[in-house]
């Protein structure tokens, strides 16, 4: 009942594992019966999906890294702009207004 089909890597760890009930359920469907009768087509589809996963994975990882780096760069850039503007604001020479003395005339 809990038998597993396991694809092993070089260090004998499972990369993909499927229980036999999952494989039996797949083979009972129309697609599973068709692919069981056409093993070359099944192997072609398996190889195509495996080879297509590499460029898609590289693109998604590149897109994720680009988004994260642009967000971090934007935060640093905004912080730098705020720091420079505050520094310039504090360095501006402000003239203090002289208070006028109130004179009372009687």
PDB file of N, CA and C in Angstrom:
ATOM      1  N   UNK A   1       0.814  -1.188   0.000  1.00  0.00           N
ATOM      2  CA  UNK A   1       0.000   0.000   0.000  1.00  0.00           C
ATOM      3  C   UNK A   1       0.861   1.256   0.000  1.00  0.00           C
ATOM      4  N   UNK A   2       1.987   1.241   0.681  1.00  0.00           N
ATOM      5  CA  UNK A   2       2.857   2.408   0.754  1.00  0.00           C
ATOM      6  C   UNK A   2       4.141   2.206  -0.040  1.00  0.00           C
ATOM      7  N   UNK A   3       4.073   1.445  -1.119  1.00  0.00           N
ATOM      8  CA  UNK A   3       5.256   1.251  -1.955  1.00  0.00           C
ATOM      9  C   UNK A   3       5.483   2.516  -2.772  1.00  0.00           C
ATOM     10  N   UNK A   4       6.738   2.846  -2.989  1.00  0.00           N
ATOM     11  CA  UNK A   4       7.082   4.070  -3.693  1.00  0.00           C
ATOM     12  C   UNK A   4       7.978   3.766  -4.870  1.00  0.00           C
ATOM     13  N   UNK A   5       7.789   4.519  -5.924  1.00  0.00           N
ATOM     14  CA  UNK A   5       8.693   4.522  -7.065  1.00  0.00           C
ATOM     15  C   UNK A   5       9.611   5.718  -6.859  1.00  0.00           C
ATOM     16  N   UNK A   6      10.900   5.485  -6.811  1.00  0.00           N
ATOM     17  CA  UNK A   6      11.827   6.545  -6.431  1.00  0.00           C
ATOM     18  C   UNK A   6      12.934   6.645  -7.472  1.00  0.00           C
ATOM     19  N   UNK A   7      13.189   7.837  -7.957  1.00  0.00           N
ATOM     20  CA  UNK A   7      14.306   8.075  -8.859  1.00  0.00           C
ATOM     21  C   UNK A   7      15.493   8.517  -8.015  1.00  0.00           C
ATOM     22  N   UNK A   8      16.588   7.780  -8.085  1.00  0.00           N
ATOM     23  CA  UNK A   8      17.735   8.039  -7.221  1.00  0.00           C
ATOM     24  C   UNK A   8      18.764   8.895  -7.935  1.00  0.00           C
ATOM     25  N   UNK A   9      19.420   9.731  -7.151  1.00  0.00           N
ATOM     26  CA  UNK A   9      20.509  10.528  -7.692  1.00  0.00           C
ATOM     27  C   UNK A   9      21.821   9.818  -7.374  1.00  0.00           C
ATOM     28  N   UNK A  10      22.933  10.526  -7.559  1.00  0.00           N
ATOM     29  CA  UNK A  10      24.242   9.915  -7.343  1.00  0.00           C
ATOM     30  C   UNK A  10      24.479   9.540  -5.880  1.00  0.00           C
ATOM     31  N   UNK A  11      23.944  10.322  -4.952  1.00  0.00           N
ATOM     32  CA  UNK A  11      24.184  10.025  -3.537  1.00  0.00           C
ATOM     33  C   UNK A  11      23.028   9.246  -2.914  1.00  0.00           C
ATOM     34  N   UNK A  12      22.271   8.510  -3.725  1.00  0.00           N
ATOM     35  CA  UNK A  12      21.200   7.610  -3.286  1.00  0.00           C
ATOM     36  C   UNK A  12      20.119   8.308  -2.482  1.00  0.00           C
ATOM     37  N   UNK A  13      19.751   9.504  -2.878  1.00  0.00           N
ATOM     38  CA  UNK A  13      18.628  10.198  -2.259  1.00  0.00           C
ATOM     39  C   UNK A  13      17.522  10.314  -3.294  1.00  0.00           C
ATOM     40  N   UNK A  14      16.290  10.255  -2.847  1.00  0.00           N
ATOM     41  CA  UNK A  14      15.143  10.340  -3.754  1.00  0.00           C
ATOM     42  C   UNK A  14      15.005  11.755  -4.297  1.00  0.00           C
ATOM     43  N   UNK A  15      14.935  11.852  -5.606  1.00  0.00           N
ATOM     44  CA  UNK A  15      14.668  13.142  -6.232  1.00  0.00           C
ATOM     45  C   UNK A  15      13.165  13.288  -6.426  1.00  0.00           C
ATOM     46  N   UNK A  16      12.551  12.328  -7.063  1.00  0.00           N
ATOM     47  CA  UNK A  16      11.109  12.298  -7.253  1.00  0.00           C
ATOM     48  C   UNK A  16      10.587  10.993  -6.687  1.00  0.00           C
ATOM     49  N   UNK A  17       9.484  11.039  -5.998  1.00  0.00           N
ATOM     50  CA  UNK A  17       8.900   9.806  -5.496  1.00  0.00           C
ATOM     51  C   UNK A  17       7.402   9.822  -5.772  1.00  0.00           C
ATOM     52  N   UNK A  18       6.908   8.715  -6.230  1.00  0.00           N
ATOM     53  CA  UNK A  18       5.495   8.543  -6.523  1.00  0.00           C
ATOM     54  C   UNK A  18       5.031   7.270  -5.847  1.00  0.00           C
ATOM     55  N   UNK A  19       3.873   7.326  -5.201  1.00  0.00           N
ATOM     56  CA  UNK A  19       3.329   6.101  -4.635  1.00  0.00           C
ATOM     57  C   UNK A  19       2.673   5.303  -5.756  1.00  0.00           C
ATOM     58  N   UNK A  20       2.563   3.996  -5.553  1.00  0.00           N
ATOM     59  CA  UNK A  20       1.985   3.151  -6.595  1.00  0.00           C
ATOM     60  C   UNK A  20       0.512   3.459  -6.816  1.00  0.00           C
ATOM     61  N   UNK A  21      -0.164   3.955  -5.796  1.00  0.00           N
ATOM     62  CA  UNK A  21      -1.565   4.308  -5.986  1.00  0.00           C
ATOM     63  C   UNK A  21      -1.692   5.518  -6.921  1.00  0.00           C
ATOM     64  N   UNK A  22      -0.733   6.454  -6.855  1.00  0.00           N
ATOM     65  CA  UNK A  22      -0.759   7.598  -7.766  1.00  0.00           C
ATOM     66  C   UNK A  22      -0.489   7.153  -9.202  1.00  0.00           C
ATOM     67  N   UNK A  23       0.447   6.237  -9.368  1.00  0.00           N
ATOM     68  CA  UNK A  23       0.755   5.734 -10.709  1.00  0.00           C
ATOM     69  C   UNK A  23      -0.421   4.933 -11.253  1.00  0.00           C
ATOM     70  N   UNK A  24      -1.049   4.109 -10.401  1.00  0.00           N
ATOM     71  CA  UNK A  24      -2.206   3.330 -10.839  1.00  0.00           C
ATOM     72  C   UNK A  24      -3.373   4.243 -11.199  1.00  0.00           C
ATOM     73  N   UNK A  25      -3.576   5.307 -10.436  1.00  0.00           N
ATOM     74  CA  UNK A  25      -4.653   6.247 -10.755  1.00  0.00           C
ATOM     75  C   UNK A  25      -4.390   6.914 -12.099  1.00  0.00           C
ATOM     76  N   UNK A  26      -3.136   7.298 -12.349  1.00  0.00           N
ATOM     77  CA  UNK A  26      -2.807   7.927 -13.623  1.00  0.00           C
ATOM     78  C   UNK A  26      -3.004   6.968 -14.782  1.00  0.00           C
ATOM     79  N   UNK A  27      -2.633   5.700 -14.601  1.00  0.00           N
ATOM     80  CA  UNK A  27      -2.751   4.737 -15.693  1.00  0.00           C
ATOM     81  C   UNK A  27      -4.203   4.344 -15.958  1.00  0.00           C
ATOM     82  N   UNK A  28      -5.106   4.610 -15.020  1.00  0.00           N
ATOM     83  CA  UNK A  28      -6.518   4.319 -15.245  1.00  0.00           C
ATOM     84  C   UNK A  28      -7.217   5.405 -16.055  1.00  0.00           C
ATOM     85  N   UNK A  29      -6.613   6.571 -16.179  1.00  0.00           N
ATOM     86  CA  UNK A  29      -7.232   7.641 -16.948  1.00  0.00           C
ATOM     87  C   UNK A  29      -7.037   7.391 -18.442  1.00  0.00           C
ATOM     88  N   UNK A  30      -7.771   8.148 -19.248  1.00  0.00           N
ATOM     89  CA  UNK A  30      -7.663   7.981 -20.706  1.00  0.00           C
ATOM     90  C   UNK A  30      -6.273   8.352 -21.196  1.00  0.00           C
ATOM     91  N   UNK A  31      -5.709   9.413 -20.610  1.00  0.00           N
ATOM     92  CA  UNK A  31      -4.365   9.837 -21.025  1.00  0.00           C
ATOM     93  C   UNK A  31      -3.339   8.777 -20.652  1.00  0.00           C
ATOM     94  N   UNK A  32      -3.469   8.206 -19.466  1.00  0.00           N
ATOM     95  CA  UNK A  32      -2.541   7.159 -19.045  1.00  0.00           C
ATOM     96  C   UNK A  32      -2.619   5.930 -19.915  1.00  0.00           C
ATOM     97  N   UNK A  33      -3.819   5.532 -20.320  1.00  0.00           N
ATOM     98  CA  UNK A  33      -3.959   4.367 -21.199  1.00  0.00           C
ATOM     99  C   UNK A  33      -3.381   4.663 -22.578  1.00  0.00           C
ATOM    100  N   UNK A  34      -3.581   5.894 -23.056  1.00  0.00           N
ATOM    101  CA  UNK A  34      -3.021   6.241 -24.365  1.00  0.00           C
ATOM    102  C   UNK A  34      -1.491   6.257 -24.318  1.00  0.00           C
ATOM    103  N   UNK A  35      -0.942   6.857 -23.255  1.00  0.00           N
ATOM    104  CA  UNK A  35       0.522   6.912 -23.154  1.00  0.00           C
ATOM    105  C   UNK A  35       1.114   5.532 -22.880  1.00  0.00           C
ATOM    106  N   UNK A  36       0.346   4.654 -22.244  1.00  0.00           N
ATOM    107  CA  UNK A  36       0.810   3.272 -22.055  1.00  0.00           C
ATOM    108  C   UNK A  36       0.909   2.529 -23.369  1.00  0.00           C
ATOM    109  N   UNK A  37       0.045   2.867 -24.310  1.00  0.00           N
ATOM    110  CA  UNK A  37       0.095   2.214 -25.623  1.00  0.00           C
ATOM    111  C   UNK A  37       1.093   2.904 -26.554  1.00  0.00           C
ATOM    112  N   UNK A  38       1.503   4.118 -26.242  1.00  0.00           N
ATOM    113  CA  UNK A  38       2.458   4.875 -27.066  1.00  0.00           C
ATOM    114  C   UNK A  38       3.667   5.271 -26.205  1.00  0.00           C
ATOM    115  N   UNK A  39       4.581   4.352 -25.909  1.00  0.00           N
ATOM    116  CA  UNK A  39       5.688   4.687 -25.000  1.00  0.00           C
ATOM    117  C   UNK A  39       6.673   5.706 -25.575  1.00  0.00           C
ATOM    118  N   UNK A  40       6.839   5.749 -26.888  1.00  0.00           N
ATOM    119  CA  UNK A  40       7.758   6.713 -27.488  1.00  0.00           C
ATOM    120  C   UNK A  40       7.212   8.125 -27.303  1.00  0.00           C
ATOM    121  N   UNK A  41       5.913   8.287 -27.477  1.00  0.00           N
ATOM    122  CA  UNK A  41       5.284   9.581 -27.271  1.00  0.00           C
ATOM    123  C   UNK A  41       5.378  10.001 -25.805  1.00  0.00           C
ATOM    124  N   UNK A  42       5.191   9.038 -24.899  1.00  0.00           N
ATOM    125  CA  UNK A  42       5.305   9.342 -23.475  1.00  0.00           C
ATOM    126  C   UNK A  42       6.723   9.781 -23.121  1.00  0.00           C
ATOM    127  N   UNK A  43       7.721   9.086 -23.666  1.00  0.00           N
ATOM    128  CA  UNK A  43       9.114   9.463 -23.404  1.00  0.00           C
ATOM    129  C   UNK A  43       9.439  10.814 -24.025  1.00  0.00           C
ATOM    130  N   UNK A  44       8.907  11.094 -25.216  1.00  0.00           N
ATOM    131  CA  UNK A  44       9.124  12.389 -25.857  1.00  0.00           C
ATOM    132  C   UNK A  44       8.526  13.513 -25.024  1.00  0.00           C
ATOM    133  N   UNK A  45       7.308  13.322 -24.546  1.00  0.00           N
ATOM    134  CA  UNK A  45       6.670  14.322 -23.695  1.00  0.00           C
ATOM    135  C   UNK A  45       7.410  14.526 -22.387  1.00  0.00           C
ATOM    136  N   UNK A  46       7.888  13.440 -21.802  1.00  0.00           N
ATOM    137  CA  UNK A  46       8.657  13.536 -20.556  1.00  0.00           C
ATOM    138  C   UNK A  46       9.965  14.291 -20.776  1.00  0.00           C
ATOM    139  N   UNK A  47      10.679  13.988 -21.841  1.00  0.00           N
ATOM    140  CA  UNK A  47      11.944  14.659 -22.116  1.00  0.00           C
ATOM    141  C   UNK A  47      11.722  16.132 -22.477  1.00  0.00           C
ATOM    142  N   UNK A  48      10.653  16.418 -23.241  1.00  0.00           N
ATOM    143  CA  UNK A  48      10.370  17.802 -23.594  1.00  0.00           C
ATOM    144  C   UNK A  48      10.071  18.627 -22.349  1.00  0.00           C
ATOM    145  N   UNK A  49       9.241  18.090 -21.470  1.00  0.00           N
ATOM    146  CA  UNK A  49       8.908  18.851 -20.256  1.00  0.00           C
ATOM    147  C   UNK A  49      10.122  18.995 -19.343  1.00  0.00           C
ATOM    148  N   UNK A  50      10.968  17.984 -19.272  1.00  0.00           N
ATOM    149  CA  UNK A  50      12.168  18.072 -18.430  1.00  0.00           C
ATOM    150  C   UNK A  50      13.161  19.087 -19.002  1.00  0.00           C
ATOM    151  N   UNK A  51      13.331  19.096 -20.314  1.00  0.00           N
ATOM    152  CA  UNK A  51      14.261  20.039 -20.932  1.00  0.00           C
ATOM    153  C   UNK A  51      13.694  21.460 -20.954  1.00  0.00           C
ATOM    154  N   UNK A  52      12.382  21.599 -21.015  1.00  0.00           N
ATOM    155  CA  UNK A  52      11.774  22.933 -21.004  1.00  0.00           C
ATOM    156  C   UNK A  52      11.798  23.535 -19.601  1.00  0.00           C
ATOM    157  N   UNK A  53      11.915  22.705 -18.586  1.00  0.00           N
ATOM    158  CA  UNK A  53      11.915  23.215 -17.210  1.00  0.00           C
ATOM    159  C   UNK A  53      13.185  24.011 -16.911  1.00  0.00           C
ATOM    160  N   UNK A  54      14.293  23.675 -17.526  1.00  0.00           N
ATOM    161  CA  UNK A  54      15.557  24.374 -17.257  1.00  0.00           C
ATOM    162  C   UNK A  54      15.515  25.839 -17.698  1.00  0.00           C
ATOM    163  N   UNK A  55      15.176  26.157 -18.950  1.00  0.00           N
ATOM    164  CA  UNK A  55      15.136  27.586 -19.305  1.00  0.00           C
ATOM    165  C   UNK A  55      14.039  28.355 -18.577  1.00  0.00           C
ATOM    166  N   UNK A  56      12.911  27.714 -18.323  1.00  0.00           N
ATOM    167  CA  UNK A  56      11.845  28.390 -17.591  1.00  0.00           C
ATOM    168  C   UNK A  56      12.296  28.688 -16.164  1.00  0.00           C
ATOM    169  N   UNK A  57      12.960  27.734 -15.541  1.00  0.00           N
ATOM    170  CA  UNK A  57      13.485  27.949 -14.187  1.00  0.00           C
ATOM    171  C   UNK A  57      14.550  29.028 -14.148  1.00  0.00           C
ATOM    172  N   UNK A  58      15.429  29.050 -15.142  1.00  0.00           N
ATOM    173  CA  UNK A  58      16.445  30.100 -15.201  1.00  0.00           C
ATOM    174  C   UNK A  58      15.819  31.473 -15.401  1.00  0.00           C
ATOM    175  N   UNK A  59      14.808  31.544 -16.273  1.00  0.00           N
ATOM    176  CA  UNK A  59      14.143  32.821 -16.498  1.00  0.00           C
ATOM    177  C   UNK A  59      13.440  33.301 -15.235  1.00  0.00           C
ATOM    178  N   UNK A  60      12.718  32.413 -14.563  1.00  0.00           N
ATOM    179  CA  UNK A  60      12.007  32.815 -13.350  1.00  0.00           C
ATOM    180  C   UNK A  60      12.965  33.231 -12.243  1.00  0.00           C
ATOM    181  N   UNK A  61      14.088  32.528 -12.103  1.00  0.00           N
ATOM    182  CA  UNK A  61      15.060  32.921 -11.078  1.00  0.00           C
ATOM    183  C   UNK A  61      15.697  34.270 -11.445  1.00  0.00           C
ATOM    184  N   UNK A  62      15.992  34.498 -12.717  1.00  0.00           N
ATOM    185  CA  UNK A  62      16.533  35.790 -13.146  1.00  0.00           C
ATOM    186  C   UNK A  62      15.538  36.911 -12.882  1.00  0.00           C
ATOM    187  N   UNK A  63      14.257  36.656 -13.185  1.00  0.00           N
ATOM    188  CA  UNK A  63      13.225  37.670 -12.956  1.00  0.00           C
ATOM    189  C   UNK A  63      13.073  37.968 -11.467  1.00  0.00           C
ATOM    190  N   UNK A  64      13.109  36.943 -10.635  1.00  0.00           N
ATOM    191  CA  UNK A  64      12.971  37.144  -9.190  1.00  0.00           C
ATOM    192  C   UNK A  64      14.155  37.928  -8.632  1.00  0.00           C
ATOM    193  N   UNK A  65      15.360  37.572  -9.060  1.00  0.00           N
ATOM    194  CA  UNK A  65      16.552  38.291  -8.588  1.00  0.00           C
ATOM    195  C   UNK A  65      16.516  39.745  -9.060  1.00  0.00           C
ATOM    196  N   UNK A  66      16.070  39.969 -10.288  1.00  0.00           N
ATOM    197  CA  UNK A  66      15.971  41.335 -10.811  1.00  0.00           C
ATOM    198  C   UNK A  66      14.978  42.162 -10.011  1.00  0.00           C
ATOM    199  N   UNK A  67      13.826  41.597  -9.686  1.00  0.00           N
ATOM    200  CA  UNK A  67      12.815  42.320  -8.908  1.00  0.00           C
ATOM    201  C   UNK A  67      13.339  42.653  -7.521  1.00  0.00           C
ATOM    202  N   UNK A  68      13.970  41.684  -6.874  1.00  0.00           N
ATOM    203  CA  UNK A  68      14.489  41.919  -5.516  1.00  0.00           C
ATOM    204  C   UNK A  68      15.592  42.975  -5.538  1.00  0.00           C
ATOM    205  N   UNK A  69      16.504  42.882  -6.493  1.00  0.00           N
ATOM    206  CA  UNK A  69      17.604  43.843  -6.558  1.00  0.00           C
ATOM    207  C   UNK A  69      17.103  45.244  -6.893  1.00  0.00           C
ATOM    208  N   UNK A  70      16.106  45.360  -7.760  1.00  0.00           N
ATOM    209  CA  UNK A  70      15.585  46.689  -8.073  1.00  0.00           C
ATOM    210  C   UNK A  70      14.858  47.283  -6.871  1.00  0.00           C
ATOM    211  N   UNK A  71      14.155  46.460  -6.102  1.00  0.00           N
ATOM    212  CA  UNK A  71      13.479  46.973  -4.902  1.00  0.00           C
ATOM    213  C   UNK A  71      14.496  47.429  -3.862  1.00  0.00           C
ATOM    214  N   UNK A  72      15.536  46.638  -3.653  1.00  0.00           N
ATOM    215  CA  UNK A  72      16.578  47.016  -2.686  1.00  0.00           C
ATOM    216  C   UNK A  72      17.316  48.263  -3.166  1.00  0.00           C
ATOM    217  N   UNK A  73      17.631  48.338  -4.445  1.00  0.00           N
ATOM    218  CA  UNK A  73      18.294  49.524  -4.986  1.00  0.00           C
ATOM    219  C   UNK A  73      17.436  50.763  -4.875  1.00  0.00           C
ATOM    220  N   UNK A  74      16.133  50.620  -5.086  1.00  0.00           N
ATOM    221  CA  UNK A  74      15.227  51.758  -4.949  1.00  0.00           C
ATOM    222  C   UNK A  74      15.209  52.261  -3.511  1.00  0.00           C
ATOM    223  N   UNK A  75      15.175  51.352  -2.560  1.00  0.00           N
ATOM    224  CA  UNK A  75      15.170  51.754  -1.141  1.00  0.00           C
ATOM    225  C   UNK A  75      16.468  52.466  -0.784  1.00  0.00           C
ATOM    226  N   UNK A  76      17.604  51.925  -1.235  1.00  0.00           N
ATOM    227  CA  UNK A  76      18.885  52.587  -0.965  1.00  0.00           C
ATOM    228  C   UNK A  76      18.959  53.957  -1.640  1.00  0.00           C
ATOM    229  N   UNK A  77      18.482  54.040  -2.874  1.00  0.00           N
ATOM    230  CA  UNK A  77      18.509  55.308  -3.592  1.00  0.00           C
ATOM    231  C   UNK A  77      17.638  56.346  -2.901  1.00  0.00           C
ATOM    232  N   UNK A  78      16.451  55.949  -2.476  1.00  0.00           N
ATOM    233  CA  UNK A  78      15.577  56.884  -1.762  1.00  0.00           C
ATOM    234  C   UNK A  78      16.207  57.318  -0.442  1.00  0.00           C
ATOM    235  N   UNK A  79      16.832  56.395   0.258  1.00  0.00           N
ATOM    236  CA  UNK A  79      17.514  56.754   1.504  1.00  0.00           C
ATOM    237  C   UNK A  79      18.651  57.725   1.266  1.00  0.00           C
ATOM    238  N   UNK A  80      19.383  57.517   0.191  1.00  0.00           N
ATOM    239  CA  UNK A  80      20.478  58.423  -0.139  1.00  0.00           C
ATOM    240  C   UNK A  80      19.944  59.807  -0.488  1.00  0.00           C
ATOM    241  N   UNK A  81      18.845  59.857  -1.252  1.00  0.00           N
ATOM    242  CA  UNK A  81      18.247  61.158  -1.595  1.00  0.00           C
ATOM    243  C   UNK A  81      17.774  61.895  -0.354  1.00  0.00           C
ATOM    244  N   UNK A  82      17.149  61.188   0.567  1.00  0.00           N
ATOM    245  CA  UNK A  82      16.682  61.818   1.801  1.00  0.00           C
ATOM    246  C   UNK A  82      17.869  62.315   2.621  1.00  0.00           C
ATOM    247  N   UNK A  83      18.921  61.510   2.691  1.00  0.00           N
ATOM    248  CA  UNK A  83      20.096  61.906   3.470  1.00  0.00           C
ATOM    249  C   UNK A  83      20.762  63.152   2.862  1.00  0.00           C
ATOM    250  N   UNK A  84      20.917  63.186   1.558  1.00  0.00           N
ATOM    251  CA  UNK A  84      21.542  64.328   0.907  1.00  0.00           C
ATOM    252  C   UNK A  84      20.679  65.578   1.061  1.00  0.00           C
ATOM    253  N   UNK A  85      19.380  65.435   0.906  1.00  0.00           N
ATOM    254  CA  UNK A  85      18.510  66.608   1.026  1.00  0.00           C
ATOM    255  C   UNK A  85      18.485  67.143   2.453  1.00  0.00           C
ATOM    256  N   UNK A  86      18.505  66.265   3.444  1.00  0.00           N
ATOM    257  CA  UNK A  86      18.550  66.742   4.830  1.00  0.00           C
ATOM    258  C   UNK A  86      19.877  67.435   5.118  1.00  0.00           C
ATOM    259  N   UNK A  87      20.954  66.884   4.602  1.00  0.00           N
ATOM    260  CA  UNK A  87      22.258  67.508   4.813  1.00  0.00           C
ATOM    261  C   UNK A  87      22.305  68.884   4.165  1.00  0.00           C
ATOM    262  N   UNK A  88      21.785  69.005   2.951  1.00  0.00           N
ATOM    263  CA  UNK A  88      21.777  70.306   2.289  1.00  0.00           C
ATOM    264  C   UNK A  88      20.858  71.288   3.009  1.00  0.00           C
ATOM    265  N   UNK A  89      19.765  70.792   3.541  1.00  0.00           N
ATOM    266  CA  UNK A  89      18.836  71.658   4.248  1.00  0.00           C
ATOM    267  C   UNK A  89      19.477  72.218   5.520  1.00  0.00           C
ATOM    268  N   UNK A  90      20.211  71.388   6.228  1.00  0.00           N
ATOM    269  CA  UNK A  90      20.852  71.855   7.458  1.00  0.00           C
ATOM    270  C   UNK A  90      22.041  72.767   7.186  1.00  0.00           C
ATOM    271  N   UNK A  91      22.647  72.642   6.028  1.00  0.00           N
ATOM    272  CA  UNK A  91      23.804  73.476   5.713  1.00  0.00           C
ATOM    273  C   UNK A  91      23.426  74.830   5.118  1.00  0.00           C
ATOM    274  N   UNK A  92      22.167  74.997   4.735  1.00  0.00           N
ATOM    275  CA  UNK A  92      21.763  76.281   4.174  1.00  0.00           C
ATOM    276  C   UNK A  92      21.826  77.360   5.249  1.00  0.00           C
ATOM    277  N   UNK A  93      22.374  78.509   4.892  1.00  0.00           N
ATOM    278  CA  UNK A  93      22.444  79.579   5.898  1.00  0.00           C
ATOM    279  C   UNK A  93      21.091  80.275   6.025  1.00  0.00           C
ATOM    280  N   UNK A  94      20.539  80.178   7.163  1.00  0.00           N
ATOM    281  CA  UNK A  94      19.286  80.859   7.435  1.00  0.00           C
ATOM    282  C   UNK A  94      19.577  82.099   8.259  1.00  0.00           C
ATOM    283  N   UNK A  95      18.996  83.192   7.847  1.00  0.00           N
ATOM    284  CA  UNK A  95      19.151  84.418   8.614  1.00  0.00           C
ATOM    285  C   UNK A  95      18.071  84.450   9.676  1.00  0.00           C
ATOM    286  N   UNK A  96      18.492  84.736  10.853  1.00  0.00           N
ATOM    287  CA  UNK A  96      17.519  84.842  11.924  1.00  0.00           C
ATOM    288  C   UNK A  96      16.845  86.199  11.826  1.00  0.00           C
ATOM    289  N   UNK A  97      15.577  86.165  11.955  1.00  0.00           N
ATOM    290  CA  UNK A  97      14.830  87.416  11.897  1.00  0.00           C
ATOM    291  C   UNK A  97      15.004  88.149  13.218  1.00  0.00           C
ATOM    292  N   UNK A  98      15.279  89.420  13.085  1.00  0.00           N
ATOM    293  CA  UNK A  98      15.415  90.231  14.287  1.00  0.00           C
ATOM    294  C   UNK A  98      14.021  90.609  14.774  1.00  0.00           C
ATOM    295  N   UNK A  99      13.852  90.454  16.029  1.00  0.00           N
ATOM    296  CA  UNK A  99      12.574  90.827  16.595  1.00  0.00           C
ATOM    297  C   UNK A  99      12.547  92.338  16.800  1.00  0.00           C
ATOM    298  N   UNK A 100      11.504  92.910  16.347  1.00  0.00           N
ATOM    299  CA  UNK A 100      11.342  94.345  16.523  1.00  0.00           C
ATOM    300  C   UNK A 100      10.835  94.619  17.937  1.00  0.00           C
ATOM    301  N   UNK A 101      11.421  95.603  18.503  1.00  0.00           N
ATOM    302  CA  UNK A 101      10.956  95.991  19.831  1.00  0.00           C
ATOM    303  C   UNK A 101       9.677  96.799  19.681  1.00  0.00           C
ATOM    304  N   UNK A 102       8.754  96.466  20.498  1.00  0.00           N
ATOM    305  CA  UNK A 102       7.510  97.192  20.467  1.00  0.00           C
ATOM    306  C   UNK A 102       7.669  98.481  21.289  1.00  0.00           C
ATOM    307  N   UNK A 103       7.356  99.556  20.685  1.00  0.00           N
ATOM    308  CA  UNK A 103       7.433 100.839  21.370  1.00  0.00           C
ATOM    309  C   UNK A 103       5.995 101.300  21.651  1.00  0.00           C
ATOM    310  N   UNK A 104       5.830 101.646  22.803  1.00  0.00           N
ATOM    311  CA  UNK A 104       4.519 102.163  23.193  1.00  0.00           C
ATOM    312  C   UNK A 104       4.586 103.685  23.276  1.00  0.00           C
ATOM    313  N   UNK A 105       3.763 104.311  22.533  1.00  0.00           N
ATOM    314  CA  UNK A 105       3.705 105.769  22.570  1.00  0.00           C
ATOM    315  C   UNK A 105       2.502 106.188  23.414  1.00  0.00           C
ATOM    316  N   UNK A 106       2.754 107.094  24.347  1.00  0.00           N
ATOM    317  CA  UNK A 106       1.689 107.562  25.222  1.00  0.00           C
ATOM    318  C   UNK A 106       1.115 108.852  24.784  1.00  0.00           C
TER     319      UNK A 106
END
